[in-house]
Amino acid sequence: MFDIVFDLEKDKEKREKASENLIVLARERAGAELLHKEGVIPRIARLMKVEKDQGIRLALIRYVRTRNKISYYFINLIFFSRCIGELCKRSLERAKDVLKECGIPFFLDILNSHTEEVVNASSYIIQVVLNTLSHYEIQEAIKEKKKLGRNMTATDRKWCITEEKRRHELIRKNGKELTSIMNVITYNTVSRTITGEARDALVELIMKNCKYDELNWAELSLKTDTYQRLMEVASEMTQFKHESSMEITDNTRSVVGVCLNIMYEQMYDDQRRITLNEEIDRFIR
C-alpha cells in the first residue's frame, strides 16, 4: 500500500484507493501506531510538498476541474490531510511529531485554496492538533457531566473542578506549542497572499478556541495585536481595491463580527472589557 501511495508514477485510481485505506488504518489505534513507527508522517509531508508542483502541472495538462468534480491534485491533498488528522488524534506524541515534521505554516499553505474541501481538511488538522495538545477529551467529559445540571452531586462538582485544574496544568505544559499555533493563526488573518476562504477558516479557528473552557484565546489575545488584526479584516471593503487589499468573501465581515462578539463575552470582569475596548479604540484612532 505504501509503495502505491507514495509513488507518483502509479495509476491515480490505485493511489486514491490506497490513500483511502491509509485513512481507515490511521483511525484505528493499532494502525495509527504502525503508521507512526513506519515514519508515515515525514513521508506524507515530503510527498505533499513534491506533489504540489506536479499536481499543478497535471491539473493544467491532464486533470481538468469541473463544477462537480475537483482535480486529482486536490483529492490527494484531502486524503493526506485527513490521514494526518487521524494520526494526530488521541496521541500527544504523534501530534508533536506532526508539528515537528510539517509545521503549522505547512498546513496554512494547504489552507490557501478556494476549494472548500481542501480548506476544511486543512483547518480540521489544525483543530485536531490543538485538541490533542490541550487534552480536549477532558473538557468533553466535564461538559457531559455538567449536563446533569441541578442533579449533579457534590462529588460530581468536585470531580469537575479537579479535572479542570488537571487540564489547565496539561495545557500549561504544552503552552509553548499552543501559543505558537495561536500566534501563527492570528498573524496570518491579515495576510495579503491567502484566499478569502482561508481567511474565514482562520477566523473561525480563533472563534472556536477563544472561549475560557476551550483555549482562552480571547484573554490571551489581549497581550497581542490580535484584536487590531481582526478589526483590520472587518474594515476591508470589496468595493475599494488597491495594491494592499485583502481578499475576502461575502461572509468574512460577518464571521469576524461574530468572532469579536464571542471574544467580548469571554471578558469576565470590567478591567478586561476596558482593555479590549482600548484595543478597538486604538485601531479606530
Protein backbone atom coordinates (compact mmCIF):
# COMPACT_ATOMS: atom_id res chain seq x y z
CA MET A 1 0.00 0.00 0.00
CA PHE A 2 2.84 2.39 0.87
CA ASP A 3 4.53 1.69 -2.47
CA ILE A 4 1.36 2.69 -4.30
CA VAL A 5 0.52 5.81 -2.28
CA PHE A 6 3.98 7.34 -2.34
CA ASP A 7 4.83 6.51 -5.95
CA LEU A 8 3.87 9.39 -8.22
CA GLU A 9 4.13 7.12 -11.27
CA LYS A 10 1.37 4.75 -10.13
CA ASP A 11 -2.15 4.84 -11.54
CA LYS A 12 -4.19 7.65 -9.98
CA GLU A 13 -7.21 5.45 -9.16
CA LYS A 14 -4.98 2.94 -7.36
CA ARG A 15 -3.35 5.78 -5.41
CA GLU A 16 -6.75 7.19 -4.41
CA LYS A 17 -7.88 3.76 -3.19
CA ALA A 18 -4.62 3.22 -1.28
CA SER A 19 -4.98 6.69 0.26
CA GLU A 20 -8.48 5.83 1.48
CA ASN A 21 -7.12 2.63 3.02
CA LEU A 22 -4.43 4.68 4.74
CA ILE A 23 -7.10 6.86 6.38
CA VAL A 24 -9.04 3.78 7.56
CA LEU A 25 -5.84 2.33 9.03
CA ALA A 26 -4.99 5.62 10.76
CA ARG A 27 -8.38 5.66 12.51
CA GLU A 28 -7.52 2.51 14.47
CA ARG A 29 -5.17 2.85 17.43
CA ALA A 30 -3.00 -0.11 16.37
CA GLY A 31 -2.98 1.06 12.77
CA ALA A 32 -2.02 4.61 13.73
CA GLU A 33 0.84 3.33 15.87
CA LEU A 34 2.05 1.14 13.00
CA LEU A 35 1.96 4.02 10.53
CA HIS A 36 3.80 6.22 13.01
CA LYS A 37 6.54 3.61 13.50
CA GLU A 38 6.88 3.28 9.73
CA GLY A 39 7.60 7.02 9.50
CA VAL A 40 4.49 7.87 7.51
CA ILE A 41 4.27 11.49 8.77
CA PRO A 42 7.54 12.75 7.21
CA ARG A 43 6.82 10.71 4.06
CA ILE A 44 3.41 12.37 3.69
CA ALA A 45 4.95 15.79 4.34
CA ARG A 46 7.63 15.24 1.68
CA LEU A 47 5.13 13.86 -0.84
CA MET A 48 2.69 16.73 -0.44
CA LYS A 49 5.50 19.25 -0.94
CA VAL A 50 6.73 17.46 -4.06
CA GLU A 51 3.31 16.68 -5.47
CA LYS A 52 2.14 20.24 -5.15
CA ASP A 53 4.09 21.37 -8.20
CA GLN A 54 3.47 18.11 -10.02
CA GLY A 55 -0.23 18.37 -9.22
CA ILE A 56 -0.44 21.85 -10.67
CA ARG A 57 1.16 20.62 -13.90
CA LEU A 58 -1.18 17.61 -14.03
CA ALA A 59 -4.16 19.85 -13.33
CA LEU A 60 -3.18 22.10 -16.21
CA ILE A 61 -2.34 19.30 -18.63
CA ARG A 62 -4.46 16.25 -17.81
CA TYR A 63 -6.89 16.68 -14.90
CA VAL A 64 -9.40 19.39 -15.69
CA ARG A 65 -11.52 20.59 -12.78
CA THR A 66 -15.23 20.77 -13.49
CA ARG A 67 -18.05 22.25 -11.46
CA ASN A 68 -18.94 18.89 -9.94
CA LYS A 69 -15.51 17.28 -9.70
CA ILE A 70 -12.34 18.51 -8.05
CA SER A 71 -8.96 17.69 -9.57
CA TYR A 72 -6.77 14.71 -8.72
CA TYR A 73 -4.33 17.12 -7.06
CA PHE A 74 -6.99 18.38 -4.63
CA ILE A 75 -8.23 14.85 -3.94
CA ASN A 76 -4.73 13.83 -2.85
CA LEU A 77 -4.44 16.89 -0.61
CA ILE A 78 -7.70 15.94 1.10
CA PHE A 79 -6.74 12.28 1.52
CA PHE A 80 -3.34 13.03 3.01
CA SER A 81 -4.68 15.84 5.20
CA ARG A 82 -7.34 13.55 6.67
CA CYS A 83 -4.76 10.81 7.21
CA ILE A 84 -2.52 13.17 9.21
CA GLY A 85 -5.58 14.37 11.14
CA GLU A 86 -6.45 10.81 12.15
CA LEU A 87 -2.84 10.16 13.19
CA CYS A 88 -2.91 13.21 15.48
CA LYS A 89 -5.98 12.03 17.36
CA ARG A 90 -5.53 10.53 20.82
CA SER A 91 -1.74 10.76 20.72
CA LEU A 92 0.27 13.68 22.08
CA GLU A 93 3.48 12.15 20.71
CA ARG A 94 2.15 11.89 17.15
CA ALA A 95 0.66 15.39 17.28
CA LYS A 96 4.04 16.83 18.30
CA ASP A 97 5.73 14.83 15.55
CA VAL A 98 3.33 16.37 13.02
CA LEU A 99 4.26 19.84 14.27
CA LYS A 100 7.94 18.93 14.08
CA GLU A 101 7.87 17.35 10.62
CA CYS A 102 5.28 19.58 8.94
CA GLY A 103 4.75 22.73 10.98
CA ILE A 104 1.63 24.88 11.09
CA PRO A 105 2.79 27.13 8.19
CA PHE A 106 2.80 23.99 6.03
CA PHE A 107 -0.91 23.43 6.71
CA LEU A 108 -1.65 27.13 6.23
CA ASP A 109 -0.09 26.80 2.79
CA ILE A 110 -2.53 23.97 2.02
CA LEU A 111 -5.34 26.01 3.57
CA ASN A 112 -4.66 28.72 1.00
CA SER A 113 -7.21 27.45 -1.51
CA HIS A 114 -10.56 28.36 -3.00
CA THR A 115 -11.65 24.71 -2.79
CA GLU A 116 -13.94 24.20 0.19
CA GLU A 117 -12.95 20.56 0.72
CA VAL A 118 -9.23 21.43 0.90
CA VAL A 119 -9.83 24.36 3.27
CA ASN A 120 -11.97 22.19 5.56
CA ALA A 121 -9.42 19.34 5.56
CA SER A 122 -6.53 21.65 6.46
CA SER A 123 -8.37 23.54 9.21
CA TYR A 124 -9.54 20.16 10.55
CA ILE A 125 -5.91 19.07 11.04
CA ILE A 126 -5.03 22.27 12.88
CA GLN A 127 -8.02 21.87 15.20
CA VAL A 128 -7.20 18.20 15.84
CA VAL A 129 -3.64 19.16 16.81
CA LEU A 130 -4.99 21.85 19.14
CA ASN A 131 -7.46 19.41 20.70
CA THR A 132 -4.75 16.81 21.27
CA LEU A 133 -2.24 19.25 22.76
CA SER A 134 -4.92 20.71 25.06
CA HIS A 135 -6.38 17.30 26.06
CA TYR A 136 -9.82 18.33 24.85
CA GLU A 137 -11.24 14.92 25.77
CA ILE A 138 -11.09 16.03 29.42
CA GLN A 139 -13.21 19.09 28.65
CA GLU A 140 -15.70 16.93 26.74
CA ALA A 141 -16.08 14.66 29.78
CA ILE A 142 -16.63 17.71 32.00
CA LYS A 143 -19.29 19.10 29.64
CA GLU A 144 -21.05 15.75 29.62
CA LYS A 145 -21.07 15.68 33.41
CA LYS A 146 -22.40 19.24 33.64
CA LYS A 147 -25.40 18.30 31.52
CA LEU A 148 -26.84 16.83 34.72
CA GLY A 149 -27.38 20.40 35.92
CA ARG A 150 -29.07 20.51 39.30
CA ASN A 151 -28.86 16.74 39.53
CA MET A 152 -25.08 16.94 39.93
CA THR A 153 -23.88 15.68 43.30
CA ALA A 154 -21.20 17.28 45.43
CA THR A 155 -18.86 14.52 44.27
CA ASP A 156 -19.61 15.36 40.63
CA ARG A 157 -18.83 19.04 41.20
CA LYS A 158 -15.57 18.24 42.96
CA TRP A 159 -14.63 15.91 40.12
CA CYS A 160 -15.29 18.66 37.54
CA ILE A 161 -13.14 21.15 39.45
CA THR A 162 -10.32 18.62 39.80
CA GLU A 163 -10.43 17.71 36.11
CA GLU A 164 -10.46 21.37 35.05
CA LYS A 165 -7.34 22.01 37.13
CA ARG A 166 -5.68 18.92 35.67
CA ARG A 167 -6.44 20.06 32.12
CA HIS A 168 -5.12 23.57 32.80
CA GLU A 169 -1.89 22.04 34.06
CA LEU A 170 -1.59 19.88 30.94
CA ILE A 171 -2.28 22.92 28.75
CA ARG A 172 0.45 24.80 30.62
CA LYS A 173 2.93 22.00 29.85
CA ASN A 174 2.14 22.32 26.13
CA GLY A 175 1.86 26.09 26.33
CA LYS A 176 4.81 26.76 24.02
CA GLU A 177 3.29 24.82 21.13
CA LEU A 178 -0.25 26.11 21.72
CA THR A 179 0.89 29.73 21.92
CA SER A 180 2.96 29.35 18.75
CA ILE A 181 -0.04 27.98 16.86
CA MET A 182 -2.24 30.83 18.12
CA ASN A 183 0.33 33.44 17.05
CA VAL A 184 0.70 31.93 13.57
CA ILE A 185 -3.06 31.81 13.05
CA THR A 186 -3.77 35.33 14.30
CA TYR A 187 -0.79 36.80 12.43
CA ASN A 188 -1.96 35.34 9.11
CA THR A 189 -5.51 36.68 9.36
CA VAL A 190 -4.29 39.85 7.64
CA SER A 191 -2.03 38.11 5.11
CA ARG A 192 -2.38 39.57 1.61
CA THR A 193 -1.40 36.28 -0.02
CA ILE A 194 -4.19 33.98 1.22
CA THR A 195 -7.64 33.41 -0.22
CA GLY A 196 -10.83 34.75 1.30
CA GLU A 197 -11.93 31.21 2.16
CA ALA A 198 -8.67 30.59 4.03
CA ARG A 199 -9.08 33.86 5.94
CA ASP A 200 -12.58 32.86 7.01
CA ALA A 201 -11.24 29.50 8.20
CA LEU A 202 -8.55 31.19 10.32
CA VAL A 203 -11.10 33.49 11.95
CA GLU A 204 -13.35 30.50 12.65
CA LEU A 205 -10.41 28.73 14.34
CA ILE A 206 -9.97 31.78 16.58
CA MET A 207 -13.71 31.77 17.30
CA LYS A 208 -13.65 28.08 18.17
CA ASN A 209 -10.75 28.37 20.62
CA CYS A 210 -11.37 31.78 22.18
CA LYS A 211 -13.71 30.64 24.97
CA TYR A 212 -12.48 30.21 28.51
CA ASP A 213 -13.25 26.49 28.60
CA GLU A 214 -11.54 25.95 25.24
CA LEU A 215 -8.09 27.57 24.95
CA ASN A 216 -8.98 31.03 26.29
CA TRP A 217 -7.56 32.81 23.25
CA ALA A 218 -9.87 35.77 23.89
CA GLU A 219 -7.98 36.70 27.05
CA LEU A 220 -4.56 35.68 25.73
CA SER A 221 -5.12 37.91 22.69
CA LEU A 222 -5.23 40.97 24.95
CA LYS A 223 -1.44 40.64 25.19
CA THR A 224 -1.05 40.64 21.39
CA ASP A 225 -2.33 42.70 18.46
CA THR A 226 -4.99 40.09 17.55
CA TYR A 227 -7.95 42.42 18.07
CA GLN A 228 -6.45 45.08 15.84
CA ARG A 229 -5.78 42.48 13.16
CA LEU A 230 -9.39 41.28 13.33
CA MET A 231 -10.58 44.88 13.08
CA GLU A 232 -8.37 45.34 10.02
CA VAL A 233 -10.07 42.36 8.38
CA ALA A 234 -13.50 43.67 9.38
CA SER A 235 -12.73 47.06 7.83
CA GLU A 236 -11.85 45.57 4.44
CA MET A 237 -14.30 46.52 1.70
CA THR A 238 -14.71 44.68 -1.57
CA GLN A 239 -15.85 47.87 -3.30
CA PHE A 240 -12.42 49.52 -2.89
CA LYS A 241 -9.49 47.62 -4.34
CA HIS A 242 -5.86 48.74 -4.06
CA GLU A 243 -2.41 47.16 -4.08
CA SER A 244 -2.58 46.14 -0.40
CA SER A 245 -6.16 44.88 -0.40
CA MET A 246 -7.02 41.59 1.29
CA GLU A 247 -9.11 39.00 -0.48
CA ILE A 248 -12.34 38.41 1.43
CA THR A 249 -15.58 36.57 0.84
CA ASP A 250 -19.15 37.78 1.21
CA ASN A 251 -19.18 36.19 4.69
CA THR A 252 -15.85 37.47 6.03
CA ARG A 253 -17.09 40.59 7.80
CA SER A 254 -20.00 38.71 9.38
CA VAL A 255 -17.67 35.94 10.58
CA VAL A 256 -15.29 38.49 12.13
CA GLY A 257 -18.22 40.29 13.78
CA VAL A 258 -19.47 37.09 15.40
CA CYS A 259 -15.92 36.21 16.46
CA LEU A 260 -15.38 39.59 18.14
CA ASN A 261 -18.73 39.32 19.89
CA ILE A 262 -17.86 35.89 21.33
CA MET A 263 -14.44 37.14 22.39
CA TYR A 264 -16.00 40.10 24.18
CA GLU A 265 -18.33 37.74 26.05
CA GLN A 266 -15.27 36.00 27.50
CA MET A 267 -14.19 39.18 29.28
CA TYR A 268 -15.49 38.24 32.73
CA ASP A 269 -14.60 41.45 34.56
CA ASP A 270 -14.65 45.20 33.92
CA GLN A 271 -10.88 45.56 33.63
CA ARG A 272 -10.65 43.07 30.80
CA ARG A 273 -13.58 44.70 28.99
CA ILE A 274 -11.87 48.08 29.32
CA THR A 275 -8.64 46.64 27.93
CA LEU A 276 -10.48 45.14 24.95
CA ASN A 277 -12.31 48.40 24.27
CA GLU A 278 -8.98 50.24 24.38
CA GLU A 279 -7.62 47.85 21.75
CA ILE A 280 -10.58 48.60 19.49
CA ASP A 281 -10.28 52.36 20.11
CA ARG A 282 -6.57 52.23 19.29
CA PHE A 283 -7.40 50.80 15.88
CA ILE A 284 -10.13 53.38 15.21
CA ARG A 285 -7.82 56.26 16.09
